[in-house]
Protein backbone atom coordinates (compact mmCIF):
# COMPACT_ATOMS: atom_id res chain seq x y z
CA MET A 1 112.67 121.03 133.02
CA ARG A 2 109.55 122.22 132.19
CA ILE A 3 106.43 120.86 130.90
CA GLU A 4 104.34 122.52 128.41
CA GLN A 5 101.14 121.91 126.80
CA TRP A 6 102.10 121.13 122.89
CA ASN A 7 101.48 123.37 120.48
CA PRO A 8 99.67 121.77 117.45
CA ALA A 9 101.33 124.02 115.34
CA ASP A 10 105.07 123.64 116.36
CA GLU A 11 106.37 121.35 113.91
CA LYS A 12 109.43 121.33 115.50
CA THR A 13 108.70 120.05 118.95
CA LEU A 14 106.89 117.71 116.96
CA ARG A 15 109.84 116.15 115.37
CA ALA A 16 111.78 115.91 118.71
CA CYS A 17 108.63 114.03 119.95
CA TYR A 18 109.26 112.03 117.27
CA ASP A 19 112.82 111.47 117.86
CA VAL A 20 112.27 110.64 121.26
CA ALA A 21 109.44 107.66 120.08
CA LEU A 22 112.33 106.51 117.80
CA ALA A 23 114.75 106.17 120.56
CA ALA A 24 112.70 103.93 122.81
CA HIS A 25 111.41 102.26 121.06
CA LYS A 26 114.66 100.89 119.78
CA VAL A 27 115.15 99.89 123.42
CA ASP A 28 112.08 99.07 124.03
CA GLU A 29 110.41 97.19 121.33
CA PRO A 30 112.01 94.31 119.64
CA ILE A 31 109.65 92.80 117.56
CA GLU A 32 107.10 95.72 115.33
CA PRO A 33 108.04 98.08 113.09
CA PRO A 34 108.89 101.87 114.78
CA PRO A 35 106.06 104.38 114.27
CA THR A 36 106.41 106.41 111.06
CA TYR A 37 106.46 109.64 111.54
CA GLY A 38 102.94 110.28 109.09
CA LEU A 39 101.56 108.62 112.12
CA PHE A 40 102.77 109.72 114.74
CA ALA A 41 101.79 112.90 113.57
CA PHE A 42 98.34 111.93 113.16
CA SER A 43 98.02 110.84 116.55
CA LEU A 44 99.57 113.47 118.78
CA ARG A 45 98.03 116.10 116.17
CA GLU A 46 93.79 114.40 116.27
CA GLY A 47 94.23 111.58 118.77
CA TRP A 48 92.06 108.47 119.25
CA GLU A 49 88.85 108.70 117.02
CA LYS A 50 87.77 112.31 118.36
CA THR A 51 88.32 111.16 122.16
CA PRO A 52 89.65 114.81 123.89
CA PHE A 53 93.08 114.63 124.45
CA GLU A 54 95.80 116.93 125.28
CA VAL A 55 99.62 116.27 125.06
CA TRP A 56 102.27 117.56 127.31
CA VAL A 57 106.23 117.97 126.45
CA ALA A 58 109.05 118.14 128.88
CA THR A 59 112.08 119.92 128.23
CA SER A 60 115.22 120.64 129.55
CA ASP A 61 117.27 123.55 130.53
CA ASP A 62 119.04 124.04 127.36
CA GLY A 63 115.35 123.10 126.01
CA ALA A 64 116.02 120.00 124.09
CA VAL A 65 112.73 117.80 124.32
CA VAL A 66 113.56 114.99 127.00
CA GLY A 67 110.35 113.14 127.81
CA SER A 68 105.66 113.56 126.96
CA TYR A 69 102.79 112.43 127.71
CA GLN A 70 99.44 112.39 125.69
CA ILE A 71 96.62 112.30 127.68
CA SER A 72 93.69 110.25 126.52
CA LEU A 73 90.14 111.53 128.51
CA PRO A 74 87.02 109.24 127.13
CA ASP A 75 83.79 111.89 127.01
CA VAL A 76 81.48 108.86 126.62
CA GLU A 77 82.19 106.13 128.50
CA ASN A 78 84.66 105.65 131.58
CA LEU A 79 83.96 109.15 132.48
CA ASP A 80 86.64 108.78 135.30
CA GLU A 81 89.30 107.82 133.73
CA ALA A 82 92.33 109.16 131.78
CA ASN A 83 94.72 107.24 130.10
CA GLY A 84 98.29 107.58 128.38
CA GLY A 85 101.64 107.27 130.45
CA PRO A 86 104.94 108.94 130.45
CA LEU A 87 107.69 108.86 127.05
CA VAL A 88 111.10 109.49 128.29
CA HIS A 89 113.89 109.32 126.22
CA PRO A 90 115.89 105.95 127.42
CA ALA A 91 119.63 108.66 127.45
CA VAL A 92 117.51 110.25 130.25
CA ARG A 93 115.77 107.42 132.26
CA ARG A 94 116.00 107.44 135.73
CA ARG A 95 116.27 111.15 136.70
CA GLY A 96 113.37 111.68 137.53
CA ILE A 97 111.34 113.32 134.79
CA GLY A 98 109.00 109.91 134.54
CA ARG A 99 108.14 110.84 137.62
CA ALA A 100 107.82 114.73 137.27
CA LEU A 101 105.02 113.67 133.79
CA LEU A 102 103.46 111.41 135.75
CA ARG A 103 102.75 113.63 138.44
CA HIS A 104 101.70 116.29 136.24
CA ALA A 105 99.71 113.97 134.26
CA GLY A 106 97.80 113.53 137.15
CA GLU A 107 97.03 117.03 138.48
CA ARG A 108 95.25 116.74 134.95
CA ALA A 109 93.25 114.22 135.50
CA ALA A 110 92.58 115.50 138.56
CA ALA A 111 91.39 118.92 136.50
CA HIS A 112 89.17 117.15 134.81
CA GLY A 113 87.35 115.46 136.89
CA ARG A 114 88.76 112.10 136.38
CA THR A 115 89.44 109.23 139.62
CA ARG A 116 91.31 106.35 137.62
CA PHE A 117 94.78 106.91 135.40
CA GLY A 118 95.79 103.92 132.86
CA ALA A 119 98.43 103.02 130.69
CA ALA A 120 99.95 100.35 128.27
CA THR A 121 103.55 99.53 128.74
CA THR A 122 105.62 96.35 127.42
CA ALA A 123 106.51 94.32 129.90
CA GLY A 124 109.90 93.63 131.13
CA THR A 125 110.63 97.48 129.83
CA ALA A 126 111.96 100.74 132.24
CA GLY A 127 108.18 101.41 131.38
CA ASP A 128 106.79 97.98 132.65
CA ALA A 129 108.79 98.80 135.75
CA PHE A 130 107.99 102.28 136.33
CA ALA A 131 104.19 101.45 136.69
CA ALA A 132 104.94 99.07 139.22
CA ALA A 133 106.76 101.47 141.14
CA ALA A 134 104.65 104.14 140.86
CA GLY A 135 101.85 101.64 142.58
CA ALA A 136 99.78 100.37 139.50
CA ARG A 137 97.88 97.73 139.46
CA LEU A 138 98.10 95.37 136.90
CA ASP A 139 94.96 95.60 135.26
CA LEU A 140 95.23 92.68 132.08
CA GLU A 141 97.64 91.40 130.53
CA GLU A 142 97.37 91.23 126.62
CA VAL A 143 99.65 88.01 124.91
CA ARG A 144 101.16 89.07 121.74
CA ARG A 145 100.91 86.81 118.43
CA ILE A 146 102.38 87.28 115.00
CA GLN A 147 101.05 85.02 112.31
CA TYR A 148 104.24 84.53 109.81
CA LEU A 149 102.51 83.93 105.85
CA ARG A 150 105.05 82.46 104.57
CA GLU A 151 105.15 79.23 107.13
CA ILE A 152 101.30 78.31 106.63
CA ALA A 153 101.44 75.00 105.41
CA PRO A 154 99.96 75.08 101.73
CA GLY A 155 96.44 73.75 102.00
CA ILE A 156 96.04 74.94 105.83
CA VAL A 157 93.93 77.83 105.39
CA ASP A 158 91.79 76.14 102.48
CA THR A 159 91.33 73.40 104.94
CA LEU A 160 90.53 75.26 107.79
CA ARG A 161 88.56 76.80 105.38
CA ALA A 162 85.69 74.34 104.49
CA SER A 163 85.39 72.91 108.13
CA ALA A 164 84.15 76.64 109.16
CA GLU A 165 81.68 76.95 105.76
CA LYS A 166 80.32 73.54 106.35
CA ALA A 167 79.49 74.67 110.36
CA ALA A 168 78.76 78.19 109.22
CA ASP A 169 75.43 77.32 106.25
CA GLY A 170 73.09 79.80 106.33
CA TYR A 171 75.54 82.83 106.38
CA SER A 172 76.93 84.86 103.36
CA LEU A 173 80.34 87.00 103.65
CA VAL A 174 80.90 90.13 102.69
CA SER A 175 84.02 92.79 102.22
CA TRP A 176 85.33 95.81 101.76
CA ASP A 177 88.19 98.14 101.73
CA GLY A 178 88.49 101.66 103.28
CA PRO A 179 86.12 103.33 105.89
CA ILE A 180 83.11 101.30 107.00
CA PRO A 181 80.39 101.85 104.09
CA ASP A 182 77.71 103.55 105.89
CA LYS A 183 75.02 101.03 105.15
CA TYR A 184 77.40 99.07 107.68
CA CYS A 185 77.04 101.73 110.22
CA GLY A 186 74.49 100.37 111.56
CA PRO A 187 75.46 96.43 111.57
CA MET A 188 78.94 97.63 113.09
CA ALA A 189 77.60 99.32 116.33
CA GLU A 190 76.34 95.90 116.79
CA ILE A 191 79.08 94.38 116.56
CA PHE A 192 81.30 96.75 118.72
CA ASN A 193 78.61 96.14 121.20
CA ALA A 194 79.47 92.75 121.04
CA PHE A 195 83.20 92.81 121.97
CA ASN A 196 81.78 94.16 125.32
CA ASP A 197 81.67 89.99 127.17
CA ALA A 198 85.73 89.98 125.87
CA PRO A 199 88.39 90.60 128.71
CA HIS A 200 88.62 94.22 129.64
CA GLY A 201 90.58 96.28 132.35
CA GLU A 202 88.49 95.47 136.31
CA ASN A 203 87.10 99.23 136.36
CA ALA A 204 86.95 99.39 132.13
CA GLN A 205 83.03 100.33 131.55
CA PRO A 206 81.49 98.63 128.59
CA GLU A 207 80.85 100.80 125.58
CA VAL A 208 77.08 101.57 123.67
CA TRP A 209 78.09 101.74 119.87
CA ASP A 210 75.50 102.90 117.12
CA ALA A 211 75.25 103.82 113.84
CA ASP A 212 76.07 107.38 114.05
CA ARG A 213 79.25 106.70 116.74
CA VAL A 214 80.30 104.00 113.97
CA ARG A 215 80.49 106.46 111.27
CA GLU A 216 81.30 109.41 113.14
CA ARG A 217 84.70 107.66 115.44
CA THR A 218 86.16 105.37 113.53
CA GLY A 219 88.28 105.04 110.72
CA LYS A 220 90.30 108.59 110.58
CA ALA A 221 93.90 107.71 110.07
CA VAL A 222 91.55 104.98 106.95
CA ARG A 223 90.46 108.54 105.50
CA ALA A 224 93.85 110.44 106.20
CA GLY A 225 95.59 107.85 103.57
CA LEU A 226 97.27 106.70 106.47
CA MET A 227 96.13 103.79 106.63
CA ARG A 228 94.82 101.03 104.55
CA ALA A 229 91.96 99.21 106.09
CA HIS A 230 90.93 95.60 105.10
CA SER A 231 87.11 94.01 106.75
CA VAL A 232 85.35 91.16 106.04
CA ALA A 233 81.89 90.75 107.32
CA ALA A 234 79.73 87.42 108.00
CA ILE A 235 75.62 88.40 107.44
CA CYS A 236 72.92 86.00 108.58
CA ASP A 237 70.64 85.33 105.54
CA SER A 238 67.50 84.65 107.01
CA THR A 239 67.89 88.39 109.42
CA GLY A 240 69.99 90.63 107.30
CA GLU A 241 71.94 91.13 110.66
CA MET A 242 75.83 90.99 110.60
CA ALA A 243 76.64 87.98 112.75
CA ALA A 244 80.67 88.31 112.54
CA PHE A 245 83.63 90.40 111.52
CA THR A 246 87.50 90.99 110.84
CA GLU A 247 90.07 93.62 109.83
CA VAL A 248 93.04 94.15 109.39
CA ASP A 249 95.06 97.50 108.61
CA ILE A 250 98.57 98.42 106.91
CA ASN A 251 100.57 100.61 106.89
CA PRO A 252 102.01 102.18 103.32
CA GLU A 253 105.12 102.92 104.97
CA VAL A 254 105.25 99.49 106.43
CA PRO A 255 104.05 97.67 103.75
CA SER A 256 105.53 94.01 104.67
CA TRP A 257 103.53 94.18 108.27
CA GLY A 258 99.70 93.83 109.18
CA TRP A 259 97.75 94.79 112.05
CA GLN A 260 94.94 92.53 112.72
CA GLN A 261 92.07 95.12 114.37
CA LEU A 262 88.89 94.09 115.96
CA THR A 263 87.62 90.79 115.57
CA ALA A 264 83.79 89.76 116.53
CA VAL A 265 80.93 87.72 116.52
CA VAL A 266 77.66 88.05 117.60
CA MET A 267 76.89 86.46 120.12
CA PRO A 268 73.08 84.32 119.74
CA HIS A 269 75.42 83.76 115.86
CA ARG A 270 78.19 82.11 117.86
CA GLY A 271 79.28 78.34 118.00
CA HIS A 272 78.96 78.24 113.57
CA ARG A 273 82.87 79.44 113.32
CA LEU A 274 82.37 82.39 112.19
CA GLY A 275 85.28 83.75 113.32
CA LEU A 276 87.29 81.79 111.57
CA LEU A 277 85.45 81.98 108.45
CA VAL A 278 85.60 85.42 108.10
CA LYS A 279 89.64 85.01 109.00
CA THR A 280 90.26 82.39 106.18
CA GLU A 281 88.29 84.80 103.87
CA MET A 282 90.52 87.77 105.03
CA LEU A 283 94.16 85.59 104.21
CA SER A 284 92.64 84.90 100.71
CA LEU A 285 91.03 88.50 100.32
CA LEU A 286 95.25 90.23 101.56
CA ALA A 287 96.74 87.11 99.42
CA SER A 288 95.31 89.31 96.92
CA ALA A 289 95.55 92.64 97.69
CA GLU A 290 98.19 93.15 100.08
CA PRO A 291 100.25 90.15 98.58
CA GLN A 292 103.46 91.88 100.24
CA ILE A 293 102.51 91.37 103.81
CA GLU A 294 104.93 88.91 105.30
CA GLN A 295 103.35 88.74 108.80
CA ILE A 296 100.11 90.26 110.68
CA ALA A 297 100.25 90.56 114.14
CA THR A 298 97.40 90.48 116.92
CA GLY A 299 97.50 90.83 120.96
CA ASN A 300 94.80 89.10 122.81
CA ALA A 301 94.31 89.01 126.53
CA ALA A 302 95.52 85.72 128.20
CA THR A 303 92.02 85.23 129.19
CA ASN A 304 90.22 85.09 126.05
CA GLN A 305 90.29 81.19 125.22
CA HIS A 306 87.92 80.79 122.00
CA MET A 307 89.94 83.68 119.97
CA ILE A 308 93.35 82.22 120.87
CA ALA A 309 92.32 78.96 119.60
CA VAL A 310 91.26 80.41 116.24
CA ASN A 311 94.86 82.18 115.83
CA GLU A 312 96.29 79.46 117.35
CA GLN A 313 94.29 76.89 114.31
CA LEU A 314 95.70 80.16 111.63
CA GLY A 315 99.19 79.62 112.26
CA TYR A 316 99.63 82.79 114.96
CA ARG A 317 102.51 81.68 117.78
CA VAL A 318 103.15 83.66 121.07
CA VAL A 319 105.95 86.14 120.02
CA GLU A 320 107.42 88.11 123.50
CA PRO A 321 107.37 90.32 125.17
CA SER A 322 103.46 91.13 125.82
CA TRP A 323 101.85 93.95 126.57
CA ARG A 324 100.15 95.40 129.75
CA PHE A 325 97.79 97.50 130.95
CA TRP A 326 97.82 99.32 134.41
CA GLU A 327 95.58 101.41 136.64
CA MET A 328 96.10 103.02 139.44
CA PRO A 329 94.40 105.95 141.15
CA VAL A 330 94.65 109.69 140.43
CA SER A 331 94.50 110.33 144.02
CA ALA A 332 97.69 108.08 144.50
CA ILE A 333 100.00 109.72 142.00
CA GLY A 334 102.67 111.84 143.72
């Protein structure tokens, strides 16, 4: 077996990596649709919102792609961290390929001066068992919830919206489609900063955002036309501050699904039911802009009780399996 760094110009290997991802999805992910090729290729070529990364591919002696890993290397905060575990074709699992890829990833992490290595798995899968067997520590568990829009009883959203509006007197709503407009990049930075007090991994360092970072490091897939984004924000009438925000994205190739992105309320504005207000407004917006949506998927840290309460009011229900985030010292990878 060989492990070689992928050349983004190598379309053949990219297609083979996609086939591995589809095969793994078929056995590991029983709920959500498989990745579309366009979004998968974009992710391997572009990484995550300008964070440096590498892609390495494992091939068998006959040249077949049997696995890969994409390692992200944060370059603003968490400079001691690397993340991204191995993905192995189900037909060749339990033959040491995952271990070899993990060792290689550990070597690359060490070469970049990283001391922590993290990866995400779906609970109950081979990857989940692999992480535990490799000696990783479970760092955070995220519970999956899905809102099945056709199951929401008539009038429920309007009733919740009315109750939220009473508590949110003095706030106005704005919305937009697509990337964050330039005039909102500064206010959005404060929204991202507000998310730092949500549950995170034990060693994760808080991210510090400003307008330039928002402008430069968000919305790449949306700008590329691979996702549609819909956003709703609450603005404080007296100060002009952005107090709350929510976003839902849709992959045009999978139009019946929506994916909940960040929802956050800035600390001084909490207690006014703004999270519920922006999310009920989002449902009204989607009913007009994306009437084909049937379900919206989200994930919440198991300890994030406030957002869980909001989601449960809106009919989200827990769907297994959950997602797990693991961490281990780079020095322990072997």
